[in-house]
Amino acid sequence: KEVFDPKQREAINNLQREIGDWKKTDNGPSKKDLEARLEVLTSLTFEDPGPIYDVVVFQDGEGIWRAVVDTKEEGDLTDAVPMADYRLFRQYSTFSNQDLLNFSVNIYNDGNLC
């Protein structure tokens, strides 16, 4: 939201300025088109879906299902620790130092989603 709002305000301001300076030309957009763009821009709102984590589930060489969770939301799993089913090794991790919310994994149906 911190990035969206300033960029949206800037785009609205530029479009309002363009509408104010509008003069009919053959190759430029019509005033009606500019006003339609402004209407769409002002109707946009930022909706935060909350945290979105990547999770990769795989079976290691010993036949144990493991999951890797991207808690940094960067798409980089190189530092992530593979965790097995909680009932096997009692492993857990923390989403971040800010919220200190712990989580564990349970993998059902041999890792199949269907």
PDB file of N, CA and C in Angstrom:
ATOM      1  N   LYS A   1       0.832  -1.194   0.000  1.00  0.00           N
ATOM      2  CA  LYS A   1       0.000   0.000   0.000  1.00  0.00           C
ATOM      3  C   LYS A   1       0.875   1.256   0.000  1.00  0.00           C
ATOM      4  N   GLU A   2       2.023   1.183   0.674  1.00  0.00           N
ATOM      5  CA  GLU A   2       2.920   2.340   0.724  1.00  0.00           C
ATOM      6  C   GLU A   2       3.451   2.690  -0.654  1.00  0.00           C
ATOM      7  N   VAL A   3       3.546   1.709  -1.542  1.00  0.00           N
ATOM      8  CA  VAL A   3       4.025   1.956  -2.903  1.00  0.00           C
ATOM      9  C   VAL A   3       2.852   2.314  -3.818  1.00  0.00           C
ATOM     10  N   PHE A   4       1.714   1.632  -3.623  1.00  0.00           N
ATOM     11  CA  PHE A   4       0.565   1.822  -4.505  1.00  0.00           C
ATOM     12  C   PHE A   4      -0.014   3.232  -4.420  1.00  0.00           C
ATOM     13  N   ASP A   5      -0.278   3.728  -3.219  1.00  0.00           N
ATOM     14  CA  ASP A   5      -0.950   5.027  -3.041  1.00  0.00           C
ATOM     15  C   ASP A   5      -0.198   6.192  -3.687  1.00  0.00           C
ATOM     16  N   PRO A   6       1.106   6.362  -3.427  1.00  0.00           N
ATOM     17  CA  PRO A   6       1.805   7.489  -4.071  1.00  0.00           C
ATOM     18  C   PRO A   6       1.825   7.393  -5.596  1.00  0.00           C
ATOM     19  N   LYS A   7       2.011   6.182  -6.125  1.00  0.00           N
ATOM     20  CA  LYS A   7       2.032   6.017  -7.587  1.00  0.00           C
ATOM     21  C   LYS A   7       0.658   6.319  -8.180  1.00  0.00           C
ATOM     22  N   GLN A   8      -0.408   5.883  -7.493  1.00  0.00           N
ATOM     23  CA  GLN A   8      -1.750   6.151  -7.990  1.00  0.00           C
ATOM     24  C   GLN A   8      -2.048   7.651  -7.955  1.00  0.00           C
ATOM     25  N   ARG A   9      -1.691   8.309  -6.855  1.00  0.00           N
ATOM     26  CA  ARG A   9      -1.903   9.765  -6.761  1.00  0.00           C
ATOM     27  C   ARG A   9      -1.144  10.500  -7.865  1.00  0.00           C
ATOM     28  N   GLU A  10       0.081  10.072  -8.118  1.00  0.00           N
ATOM     29  CA  GLU A  10       0.888  10.705  -9.173  1.00  0.00           C
ATOM     30  C   GLU A  10       0.231  10.517 -10.544  1.00  0.00           C
ATOM     31  N   ALA A  11      -0.257   9.312 -10.815  1.00  0.00           N
ATOM     32  CA  ALA A  11      -0.909   9.048 -12.104  1.00  0.00           C
ATOM     33  C   ALA A  11      -2.194   9.858 -12.242  1.00  0.00           C
ATOM     34  N   ILE A  12      -2.968   9.976 -11.160  1.00  0.00           N
ATOM     35  CA  ILE A  12      -4.205  10.773 -11.185  1.00  0.00           C
ATOM     36  C   ILE A  12      -3.879  12.244 -11.422  1.00  0.00           C
ATOM     37  N   ASN A  13      -2.870  12.752 -10.717  1.00  0.00           N
ATOM     38  CA  ASN A  13      -2.473  14.154 -10.888  1.00  0.00           C
ATOM     39  C   ASN A  13      -2.014  14.436 -12.313  1.00  0.00           C
ATOM     40  N   ASN A  14      -1.208  13.536 -12.871  1.00  0.00           N
ATOM     41  CA  ASN A  14      -0.736  13.719 -14.247  1.00  0.00           C
ATOM     42  C   ASN A  14      -1.897  13.702 -15.233  1.00  0.00           C
ATOM     43  N   LEU A  15      -2.844  12.818 -15.012  1.00  0.00           N
ATOM     44  CA  LEU A  15      -3.995  12.723 -15.900  1.00  0.00           C
ATOM     45  C   LEU A  15      -4.895  13.948 -15.774  1.00  0.00           C
ATOM     46  N   GLN A  16      -5.092  14.438 -14.550  1.00  0.00           N
ATOM     47  CA  GLN A  16      -5.887  15.654 -14.356  1.00  0.00           C
ATOM     48  C   GLN A  16      -5.212  16.843 -15.036  1.00  0.00           C
ATOM     49  N   ARG A  17      -3.890  16.906 -14.939  1.00  0.00           N
ATOM     50  CA  ARG A  17      -3.141  17.980 -15.594  1.00  0.00           C
ATOM     51  C   ARG A  17      -3.291  17.877 -17.111  1.00  0.00           C
ATOM     52  N   GLU A  18      -3.237  16.643 -17.627  1.00  0.00           N
ATOM     53  CA  GLU A  18      -3.376  16.424 -19.061  1.00  0.00           C
ATOM     54  C   GLU A  18      -4.780  16.808 -19.546  1.00  0.00           C
ATOM     55  N   ILE A  19      -5.796  16.520 -18.717  1.00  0.00           N
ATOM     56  CA  ILE A  19      -7.176  16.902 -19.065  1.00  0.00           C
ATOM     57  C   ILE A  19      -7.303  18.427 -19.070  1.00  0.00           C
ATOM     58  N   GLY A  20      -6.688  19.076 -18.081  1.00  0.00           N
ATOM     59  CA  GLY A  20      -6.736  20.536 -18.000  1.00  0.00           C
ATOM     60  C   GLY A  20      -6.040  21.214 -19.166  1.00  0.00           C
ATOM     61  N   ASP A  21      -4.964  20.605 -19.654  1.00  0.00           N
ATOM     62  CA  ASP A  21      -4.196  21.169 -20.769  1.00  0.00           C
ATOM     63  C   ASP A  21      -4.653  20.647 -22.124  1.00  0.00           C
ATOM     64  N   TRP A  22      -5.708  19.856 -22.144  1.00  0.00           N
ATOM     65  CA  TRP A  22      -6.136  19.173 -23.364  1.00  0.00           C
ATOM     66  C   TRP A  22      -6.511  20.148 -24.463  1.00  0.00           C
ATOM     67  N   LYS A  23      -6.001  19.856 -25.628  1.00  0.00           N
ATOM     68  CA  LYS A  23      -6.369  20.576 -26.851  1.00  0.00           C
ATOM     69  C   LYS A  23      -6.602  19.527 -27.910  1.00  0.00           C
ATOM     70  N   LYS A  24      -7.594  19.725 -28.724  1.00  0.00           N
ATOM     71  CA  LYS A  24      -7.933  18.724 -29.742  1.00  0.00           C
ATOM     72  C   LYS A  24      -6.809  18.638 -30.775  1.00  0.00           C
ATOM     73  N   THR A  25      -6.251  17.436 -30.897  1.00  0.00           N
ATOM     74  CA  THR A  25      -5.239  17.177 -31.919  1.00  0.00           C
ATOM     75  C   THR A  25      -5.619  15.896 -32.641  1.00  0.00           C
ATOM     76  N   ASP A  26      -5.057  15.709 -33.787  1.00  0.00           N
ATOM     77  CA  ASP A  26      -5.402  14.534 -34.580  1.00  0.00           C
ATOM     78  C   ASP A  26      -4.821  13.245 -34.004  1.00  0.00           C
ATOM     79  N   ASN A  27      -3.632  13.300 -33.437  1.00  0.00           N
ATOM     80  CA  ASN A  27      -2.967  12.080 -32.987  1.00  0.00           C
ATOM     81  C   ASN A  27      -3.051  11.843 -31.477  1.00  0.00           C
ATOM     82  N   GLY A  28      -3.599  12.752 -30.720  1.00  0.00           N
ATOM     83  CA  GLY A  28      -3.688  12.590 -29.274  1.00  0.00           C
ATOM     84  C   GLY A  28      -4.994  11.947 -28.852  1.00  0.00           C
ATOM     85  N   PRO A  29      -5.072  11.524 -27.587  1.00  0.00           N
ATOM     86  CA  PRO A  29      -6.312  10.927 -27.094  1.00  0.00           C
ATOM     87  C   PRO A  29      -7.408  11.985 -26.954  1.00  0.00           C
ATOM     88  N   SER A  30      -8.645  11.550 -27.065  1.00  0.00           N
ATOM     89  CA  SER A  30      -9.755  12.493 -26.928  1.00  0.00           C
ATOM     90  C   SER A  30      -9.950  12.830 -25.449  1.00  0.00           C
ATOM     91  N   LYS A  31     -10.651  13.923 -25.202  1.00  0.00           N
ATOM     92  CA  LYS A  31     -10.911  14.333 -23.825  1.00  0.00           C
ATOM     93  C   LYS A  31     -11.777  13.289 -23.127  1.00  0.00           C
ATOM     94  N   LYS A  32     -12.697  12.692 -23.871  1.00  0.00           N
ATOM     95  CA  LYS A  32     -13.562  11.654 -23.308  1.00  0.00           C
ATOM     96  C   LYS A  32     -12.727  10.443 -22.880  1.00  0.00           C
ATOM     97  N   ASP A  33     -11.722  10.094 -23.679  1.00  0.00           N
ATOM     98  CA  ASP A  33     -10.830   8.989 -23.351  1.00  0.00           C
ATOM     99  C   ASP A  33     -10.029   9.296 -22.082  1.00  0.00           C
ATOM    100  N   LEU A  34      -9.520  10.500 -21.984  1.00  0.00           N
ATOM    101  CA  LEU A  34      -8.757  10.903 -20.792  1.00  0.00           C
ATOM    102  C   LEU A  34      -9.635  10.861 -19.543  1.00  0.00           C
ATOM    103  N   GLU A  35     -10.874  11.318 -19.668  1.00  0.00           N
ATOM    104  CA  GLU A  35     -11.792  11.300 -18.525  1.00  0.00           C
ATOM    105  C   GLU A  35     -12.148   9.870 -18.127  1.00  0.00           C
ATOM    106  N   ALA A  36     -12.263   8.973 -19.106  1.00  0.00           N
ATOM    107  CA  ALA A  36     -12.533   7.562 -18.807  1.00  0.00           C
ATOM    108  C   ALA A  36     -11.348   6.939 -18.070  1.00  0.00           C
ATOM    109  N   ARG A  37     -10.134   7.293 -18.485  1.00  0.00           N
ATOM    110  CA  ARG A  37      -8.931   6.806 -17.783  1.00  0.00           C
ATOM    111  C   ARG A  37      -8.915   7.292 -16.339  1.00  0.00           C
ATOM    112  N   LEU A  38      -9.275   8.561 -16.144  1.00  0.00           N
ATOM    113  CA  LEU A  38      -9.303   9.129 -14.805  1.00  0.00           C
ATOM    114  C   LEU A  38     -10.332   8.412 -13.933  1.00  0.00           C
ATOM    115  N   GLU A  39     -11.480   8.112 -14.504  1.00  0.00           N
ATOM    116  CA  GLU A  39     -12.521   7.417 -13.748  1.00  0.00           C
ATOM    117  C   GLU A  39     -12.038   6.035 -13.290  1.00  0.00           C
ATOM    118  N   VAL A  40     -11.355   5.323 -14.178  1.00  0.00           N
ATOM    119  CA  VAL A  40     -10.833   4.007 -13.823  1.00  0.00           C
ATOM    120  C   VAL A  40      -9.750   4.129 -12.755  1.00  0.00           C
ATOM    121  N   LEU A  41      -8.847   5.086 -12.913  1.00  0.00           N
ATOM    122  CA  LEU A  41      -7.767   5.272 -11.932  1.00  0.00           C
ATOM    123  C   LEU A  41      -8.306   5.600 -10.545  1.00  0.00           C
ATOM    124  N   THR A  42      -9.303   6.463 -10.477  1.00  0.00           N
ATOM    125  CA  THR A  42      -9.832   6.853  -9.162  1.00  0.00           C
ATOM    126  C   THR A  42     -10.649   5.738  -8.524  1.00  0.00           C
ATOM    127  N   SER A  43     -11.138   4.785  -9.334  1.00  0.00           N
ATOM    128  CA  SER A  43     -11.924   3.687  -8.763  1.00  0.00           C
ATOM    129  C   SER A  43     -11.047   2.566  -8.213  1.00  0.00           C
ATOM    130  N   LEU A  44      -9.765   2.545  -8.571  1.00  0.00           N
ATOM    131  CA  LEU A  44      -8.873   1.488  -8.103  1.00  0.00           C
ATOM    132  C   LEU A  44      -8.579   1.642  -6.621  1.00  0.00           C
ATOM    133  N   THR A  45      -8.587   0.521  -5.917  1.00  0.00           N
ATOM    134  CA  THR A  45      -8.212   0.506  -4.505  1.00  0.00           C
ATOM    135  C   THR A  45      -7.212  -0.615  -4.282  1.00  0.00           C
ATOM    136  N   PHE A  46      -6.426  -0.470  -3.258  1.00  0.00           N
ATOM    137  CA  PHE A  46      -5.431  -1.474  -2.915  1.00  0.00           C
ATOM    138  C   PHE A  46      -6.053  -2.466  -1.941  1.00  0.00           C
ATOM    139  N   GLU A  47      -5.992  -3.736  -2.297  1.00  0.00           N
ATOM    140  CA  GLU A  47      -6.488  -4.778  -1.410  1.00  0.00           C
ATOM    141  C   GLU A  47      -5.328  -5.690  -1.044  1.00  0.00           C
ATOM    142  N   ASP A  48      -4.995  -5.736   0.224  1.00  0.00           N
ATOM    143  CA  ASP A  48      -3.889  -6.559   0.693  1.00  0.00           C
ATOM    144  C   ASP A  48      -4.410  -7.957   1.023  1.00  0.00           C
ATOM    145  N   PRO A  49      -3.955  -8.979   0.289  1.00  0.00           N
ATOM    146  CA  PRO A  49      -4.445 -10.330   0.561  1.00  0.00           C
ATOM    147  C   PRO A  49      -3.805 -10.947   1.799  1.00  0.00           C
ATOM    148  N   GLY A  50      -2.885 -10.253   2.417  1.00  0.00           N
ATOM    149  CA  GLY A  50      -2.165 -10.812   3.559  1.00  0.00           C
ATOM    150  C   GLY A  50      -0.928 -11.538   3.078  1.00  0.00           C
ATOM    151  N   PRO A  51      -0.266 -12.233   3.974  1.00  0.00           N
ATOM    152  CA  PRO A  51       0.964 -12.927   3.572  1.00  0.00           C
ATOM    153  C   PRO A  51       0.673 -14.080   2.616  1.00  0.00           C
ATOM    154  N   ILE A  52       1.550 -14.249   1.643  1.00  0.00           N
ATOM    155  CA  ILE A  52       1.446 -15.349   0.697  1.00  0.00           C
ATOM    156  C   ILE A  52       2.783 -16.083   0.713  1.00  0.00           C
ATOM    157  N   TYR A  53       2.749 -17.340   1.132  1.00  0.00           N
ATOM    158  CA  TYR A  53       3.967 -18.111   1.283  1.00  0.00           C
ATOM    159  C   TYR A  53       4.059 -19.200   0.217  1.00  0.00           C
ATOM    160  N   ASP A  54       5.251 -19.387  -0.326  1.00  0.00           N
ATOM    161  CA  ASP A  54       5.511 -20.503  -1.231  1.00  0.00           C
ATOM    162  C   ASP A  54       5.850 -21.713  -0.375  1.00  0.00           C
ATOM    163  N   VAL A  55       5.289 -22.862  -0.748  1.00  0.00           N
ATOM    164  CA  VAL A  55       5.568 -24.110  -0.033  1.00  0.00           C
ATOM    165  C   VAL A  55       5.916 -25.177  -1.069  1.00  0.00           C
ATOM    166  N   VAL A  56       7.030 -25.846  -0.852  1.00  0.00           N
ATOM    167  CA  VAL A  56       7.441 -26.944  -1.719  1.00  0.00           C
ATOM    168  C   VAL A  56       7.456 -28.204  -0.866  1.00  0.00           C
ATOM    169  N   VAL A  57       6.752 -29.241  -1.326  1.00  0.00           N
ATOM    170  CA  VAL A  57       6.691 -30.521  -0.614  1.00  0.00           C
ATOM    171  C   VAL A  57       7.380 -31.565  -1.483  1.00  0.00           C
ATOM    172  N   PHE A  58       8.239 -32.361  -0.868  1.00  0.00           N
ATOM    173  CA  PHE A  58       8.973 -33.383  -1.612  1.00  0.00           C
ATOM    174  C   PHE A  58       9.283 -34.557  -0.709  1.00  0.00           C
ATOM    175  N   GLN A  59       9.639 -35.670  -1.320  1.00  0.00           N
ATOM    176  CA  GLN A  59      10.025 -36.860  -0.574  1.00  0.00           C
ATOM    177  C   GLN A  59      11.538 -36.988  -0.659  1.00  0.00           C
ATOM    178  N   ASP A  60      12.187 -37.044   0.513  1.00  0.00           N
ATOM    179  CA  ASP A  60      13.649 -37.116   0.509  1.00  0.00           C
ATOM    180  C   ASP A  60      14.114 -38.536   0.176  1.00  0.00           C
ATOM    181  N   GLY A  61      15.415 -38.757   0.161  1.00  0.00           N
ATOM    182  CA  GLY A  61      15.987 -40.056  -0.198  1.00  0.00           C
ATOM    183  C   GLY A  61      15.631 -41.172   0.768  1.00  0.00           C
ATOM    184  N   GLU A  62      15.183 -40.833   1.971  1.00  0.00           N
ATOM    185  CA  GLU A  62      14.823 -41.845   2.964  1.00  0.00           C
ATOM    186  C   GLU A  62      13.326 -42.157   2.942  1.00  0.00           C
ATOM    187  N   GLY A  63      12.589 -41.533   2.012  1.00  0.00           N
ATOM    188  CA  GLY A  63      11.152 -41.785   1.915  1.00  0.00           C
ATOM    189  C   GLY A  63      10.308 -40.932   2.840  1.00  0.00           C
ATOM    190  N   ILE A  64      10.919 -39.926   3.471  1.00  0.00           N
ATOM    191  CA  ILE A  64      10.193 -39.045   4.387  1.00  0.00           C
ATOM    192  C   ILE A  64       9.725 -37.808   3.630  1.00  0.00           C
ATOM    193  N   TRP A  65       8.450 -37.478   3.782  1.00  0.00           N
ATOM    194  CA  TRP A  65       7.918 -36.273   3.140  1.00  0.00           C
ATOM    195  C   TRP A  65       8.382 -35.054   3.921  1.00  0.00           C
ATOM    196  N   ARG A  66       8.860 -34.060   3.191  1.00  0.00           N
ATOM    197  CA  ARG A  66       9.333 -32.821   3.810  1.00  0.00           C
ATOM    198  C   ARG A  66       8.710 -31.629   3.092  1.00  0.00           C
ATOM    199  N   ALA A  67       8.624 -30.522   3.810  1.00  0.00           N
ATOM    200  CA  ALA A  67       8.086 -29.285   3.242  1.00  0.00           C
ATOM    201  C   ALA A  67       9.061 -28.156   3.529  1.00  0.00           C
ATOM    202  N   VAL A  68       9.202 -27.275   2.551  1.00  0.00           N
ATOM    203  CA  VAL A  68      10.020 -26.069   2.706  1.00  0.00           C
ATOM    204  C   VAL A  68       9.070 -24.886   2.541  1.00  0.00           C
ATOM    205  N   VAL A  69       9.074 -23.964   3.514  1.00  0.00           N
ATOM    206  CA  VAL A  69       8.171 -22.819   3.502  1.00  0.00           C
ATOM    207  C   VAL A  69       8.984 -21.538   3.356  1.00  0.00           C
ATOM    208  N   ASP A  70       8.617 -20.716   2.381  1.00  0.00           N
ATOM    209  CA  ASP A  70       9.292 -19.429   2.142  1.00  0.00           C
ATOM    210  C   ASP A  70       8.653 -18.377   3.052  1.00  0.00           C
ATOM    211  N   THR A  71       9.128 -18.299   4.282  1.00  0.00           N
ATOM    212  CA  THR A  71       8.538 -17.372   5.257  1.00  0.00           C
ATOM    213  C   THR A  71       8.940 -15.921   5.018  1.00  0.00           C
ATOM    214  N   LYS A  72       9.951 -15.692   4.182  1.00  0.00           N
ATOM    215  CA  LYS A  72      10.371 -14.311   3.887  1.00  0.00           C
ATOM    216  C   LYS A  72       9.579 -13.715   2.722  1.00  0.00           C
ATOM    217  N   GLU A  73       8.777 -14.546   2.043  1.00  0.00           N
ATOM    218  CA  GLU A  73       7.960 -14.125   0.901  1.00  0.00           C
ATOM    219  C   GLU A  73       8.804 -13.528  -0.227  1.00  0.00           C
ATOM    220  N   GLU A  74       9.990 -14.095  -0.448  1.00  0.00           N
ATOM    221  CA  GLU A  74      10.889 -13.608  -1.485  1.00  0.00           C
ATOM    222  C   GLU A  74      11.019 -14.590  -2.643  1.00  0.00           C
ATOM    223  N   GLY A  75      10.549 -15.817  -2.461  1.00  0.00           N
ATOM    224  CA  GLY A  75      10.697 -16.831  -3.491  1.00  0.00           C
ATOM    225  C   GLY A  75      12.056 -17.514  -3.466  1.00  0.00           C
ATOM    226  N   ASP A  76      12.891 -17.198  -2.494  1.00  0.00           N
ATOM    227  CA  ASP A  76      14.221 -17.788  -2.368  1.00  0.00           C
ATOM    228  C   ASP A  76      14.190 -18.800  -1.219  1.00  0.00           C
ATOM    229  N   LEU A  77      14.327 -20.073  -1.555  1.00  0.00           N
ATOM    230  CA  LEU A  77      14.243 -21.128  -0.540  1.00  0.00           C
ATOM    231  C   LEU A  77      15.619 -21.653  -0.116  1.00  0.00           C
ATOM    232  N   THR A  78      16.698 -20.996  -0.514  1.00  0.00           N
ATOM    233  CA  THR A  78      18.034 -21.516  -0.221  1.00  0.00           C
ATOM    234  C   THR A  78      18.324 -21.567   1.280  1.00  0.00           C
ATOM    235  N   ASP A  79      17.793 -20.639   2.059  1.00  0.00           N
ATOM    236  CA  ASP A  79      18.038 -20.635   3.503  1.00  0.00           C
ATOM    237  C   ASP A  79      16.932 -21.333   4.295  1.00  0.00           C
ATOM    238  N   ALA A  80      15.876 -21.771   3.628  1.00  0.00           N
ATOM    239  CA  ALA A  80      14.759 -22.401   4.317  1.00  0.00           C
ATOM    240  C   ALA A  80      15.144 -23.814   4.753  1.00  0.00           C
ATOM    241  N   VAL A  81      14.671 -24.206   5.912  1.00  0.00           N
ATOM    242  CA  VAL A  81      14.975 -25.524   6.464  1.00  0.00           C
ATOM    243  C   VAL A  81      13.834 -26.480   6.115  1.00  0.00           C
ATOM    244  N   PRO A  82      14.154 -27.607   5.466  1.00  0.00           N
ATOM    245  CA  PRO A  82      13.102 -28.592   5.180  1.00  0.00           C
ATOM    246  C   PRO A  82      12.574 -29.187   6.485  1.00  0.00           C
ATOM    247  N   MET A  83      11.255 -29.209   6.605  1.00  0.00           N
ATOM    248  CA  MET A  83      10.638 -29.725   7.829  1.00  0.00           C
ATOM    249  C   MET A  83       9.822 -30.968   7.496  1.00  0.00           C
ATOM    250  N   ALA A  84       9.916 -31.975   8.362  1.00  0.00           N
ATOM    251  CA  ALA A  84       9.140 -33.196   8.190  1.00  0.00           C
ATOM    252  C   ALA A  84       7.819 -33.043   8.942  1.00  0.00           C
ATOM    253  N   ASP A  85       6.960 -34.037   8.770  1.00  0.00           N
ATOM    254  CA  ASP A  85       5.691 -34.081   9.474  1.00  0.00           C
ATOM    255  C   ASP A  85       5.946 -33.899  10.979  1.00  0.00           C
ATOM    256  N   TYR A  86       5.166 -33.073  11.621  1.00  0.00           N
ATOM    257  CA  TYR A  86       5.397 -32.736  13.031  1.00  0.00           C
ATOM    258  C   TYR A  86       5.414 -33.976  13.918  1.00  0.00           C
ATOM    259  N   ARG A  87       4.541 -34.927  13.650  1.00  0.00           N
ATOM    260  CA  ARG A  87       4.460 -36.105  14.517  1.00  0.00           C
ATOM    261  C   ARG A  87       5.712 -36.976  14.449  1.00  0.00           C
ATOM    262  N   LEU A  88       6.533 -36.814  13.401  1.00  0.00           N
ATOM    263  CA  LEU A  88       7.747 -37.612  13.284  1.00  0.00           C
ATOM    264  C   LEU A  88       8.925 -37.021  14.048  1.00  0.00           C
ATOM    265  N   PHE A  89       9.175 -35.724  13.866  1.00  0.00           N
ATOM    266  CA  PHE A  89      10.382 -35.111  14.430  1.00  0.00           C
ATOM    267  C   PHE A  89      10.119 -33.902  15.322  1.00  0.00           C
ATOM    268  N   ARG A  90       8.866 -33.539  15.496  1.00  0.00           N
ATOM    269  CA  ARG A  90       8.476 -32.387  16.347  1.00  0.00           C
ATOM    270  C   ARG A  90       9.180 -31.095  15.917  1.00  0.00           C
ATOM    271  N   GLN A  91       9.323 -30.920  14.613  1.00  0.00           N
ATOM    272  CA  GLN A  91       9.951 -29.706  14.087  1.00  0.00           C
ATOM    273  C   GLN A  91       8.926 -28.597  13.968  1.00  0.00           C
ATOM    274  N   TYR A  92       9.359 -27.383  14.247  1.00  0.00           N
ATOM    275  CA  TYR A  92       8.521 -26.201  14.028  1.00  0.00           C
ATOM    276  C   TYR A  92       9.426 -25.039  13.672  1.00  0.00           C
ATOM    277  N   SER A  93       8.826 -23.997  13.140  1.00  0.00           N
ATOM    278  CA  SER A  93       9.571 -22.809  12.766  1.00  0.00           C
ATOM    279  C   SER A  93       8.732 -21.579  13.107  1.00  0.00           C
ATOM    280  N   THR A  94       9.299 -20.405  12.883  1.00  0.00           N
ATOM    281  CA  THR A  94       8.620 -19.142  13.174  1.00  0.00           C
ATOM    282  C   THR A  94       8.497 -18.349  11.880  1.00  0.00           C
ATOM    283  N   PHE A  95       7.319 -17.749  11.655  1.00  0.00           N
ATOM    284  CA  PHE A  95       7.120 -16.970  10.434  1.00  0.00           C
ATOM    285  C   PHE A  95       8.062 -15.771  10.376  1.00  0.00           C
ATOM    286  N   SER A  96       8.159 -15.002  11.452  1.00  0.00           N
ATOM    287  CA  SER A  96       9.084 -13.864  11.468  1.00  0.00           C
ATOM    288  C   SER A  96       9.373 -13.467  12.906  1.00  0.00           C
ATOM    289  N   ASN A  97      10.425 -12.686  13.080  1.00  0.00           N
ATOM    290  CA  ASN A  97      10.750 -12.187  14.422  1.00  0.00           C
ATOM    291  C   ASN A  97       9.784 -11.098  14.863  1.00  0.00           C
ATOM    292  N   GLN A  98       9.058 -10.528  13.919  1.00  0.00           N
ATOM    293  CA  GLN A  98       8.103  -9.474  14.248  1.00  0.00           C
ATOM    294  C   GLN A  98       6.850 -10.046  14.912  1.00  0.00           C
ATOM    295  N   ASP A  99       6.285 -11.102  14.332  1.00  0.00           N
ATOM    296  CA  ASP A  99       5.045 -11.638  14.902  1.00  0.00           C
ATOM    297  C   ASP A  99       5.274 -12.818  15.842  1.00  0.00           C
ATOM    298  N   LEU A 100       6.418 -13.484  15.728  1.00  0.00           N
ATOM    299  CA  LEU A 100       6.773 -14.623  16.572  1.00  0.00           C
ATOM    300  C   LEU A 100       5.693 -15.700  16.595  1.00  0.00           C
ATOM    301  N   LEU A 101       5.080 -15.950  15.449  1.00  0.00           N
ATOM    302  CA  LEU A 101       4.057 -16.974  15.315  1.00  0.00           C
ATOM    303  C   LEU A 101       4.715 -18.255  14.804  1.00  0.00           C
ATOM    304  N   ASN A 102       4.608 -19.315  15.598  1.00  0.00           N
ATOM    305  CA  ASN A 102       5.208 -20.587  15.235  1.00  0.00           C
ATOM    306  C   ASN A 102       4.267 -21.402  14.364  1.00  0.00           C
ATOM    307  N   PHE A 103       4.854 -22.296  13.543  1.00  0.00           N
ATOM    308  CA  PHE A 103       4.063 -23.197  12.719  1.00  0.00           C
ATOM    309  C   PHE A 103       4.800 -24.516  12.552  1.00  0.00           C
ATOM    310  N   SER A 104       4.054 -25.535  12.214  1.00  0.00           N
ATOM    311  CA  SER A 104       4.621 -26.836  11.875  1.00  0.00           C
ATOM    312  C   SER A 104       3.901 -27.330  10.632  1.00  0.00           C
ATOM    313  N   VAL A 105       4.325 -28.482  10.115  1.00  0.00           N
ATOM    314  CA  VAL A 105       3.671 -29.015   8.925  1.00  0.00           C
ATOM    315  C   VAL A 105       3.171 -30.424   9.186  1.00  0.00           C
ATOM    316  N   ASN A 106       2.080 -30.756   8.553  1.00  0.00           N
ATOM    317  CA  ASN A 106       1.547 -32.113   8.486  1.00  0.00           C
ATOM    318  C   ASN A 106       1.273 -32.381   7.021  1.00  0.00           C
ATOM    319  N   ILE A 107       1.806 -33.474   6.519  1.00  0.00           N
ATOM    320  CA  ILE A 107       1.650 -33.811   5.108  1.00  0.00           C
ATOM    321  C   ILE A 107       0.776 -35.057   5.026  1.00  0.00           C
ATOM    322  N   TYR A 108      -0.371 -34.918   4.380  1.00  0.00           N
ATOM    323  CA  TYR A 108      -1.345 -35.996   4.276  1.00  0.00           C
ATOM    324  C   TYR A 108      -1.382 -36.565   2.877  1.00  0.00           C
ATOM    325  N   ASN A 109      -1.905 -37.776   2.734  1.00  0.00           N
ATOM    326  CA  ASN A 109      -2.195 -38.390   1.447  1.00  0.00           C
ATOM    327  C   ASN A 109      -0.951 -38.467   0.557  1.00  0.00           C
ATOM    328  N   ASP A 110       0.187 -38.785   1.149  1.00  0.00           N
ATOM    329  CA  ASP A 110       1.460 -38.887   0.416  1.00  0.00           C
ATOM    330  C   ASP A 110       1.785 -37.631  -0.381  1.00  0.00           C
ATOM    331  N   GLY A 111       1.423 -36.474   0.123  1.00  0.00           N
ATOM    332  CA  GLY A 111       1.738 -35.218  -0.523  1.00  0.00           C
ATOM    333  C   GLY A 111       0.844 -34.849  -1.691  1.00  0.00           C
ATOM    334  N   ASN A 112      -0.155 -35.669  -1.983  1.00  0.00           N
ATOM    335  CA  ASN A 112      -1.077 -35.384  -3.099  1.00  0.00           C
ATOM    336  C   ASN A 112      -2.126 -34.388  -2.672  1.00  0.00           C
ATOM    337  N   LEU A 113      -2.397 -33.422  -3.530  1.00  0.00           N
ATOM    338  CA  LEU A 113      -3.424 -32.428  -3.230  1.00  0.00           C
ATOM    339  C   LEU A 113      -4.809 -32.922  -3.588  1.00  0.00           C
ATOM    340  N   CYS A 114      -4.907 -33.908  -4.458  1.00  0.00           N
ATOM    341  CA  CYS A 114      -6.220 -34.407  -4.890  1.00  0.00           C
ATOM    342  C   CYS A 114      -6.553 -35.716  -4.240  1.00  0.00           C
TER     343      CYS A 114
END
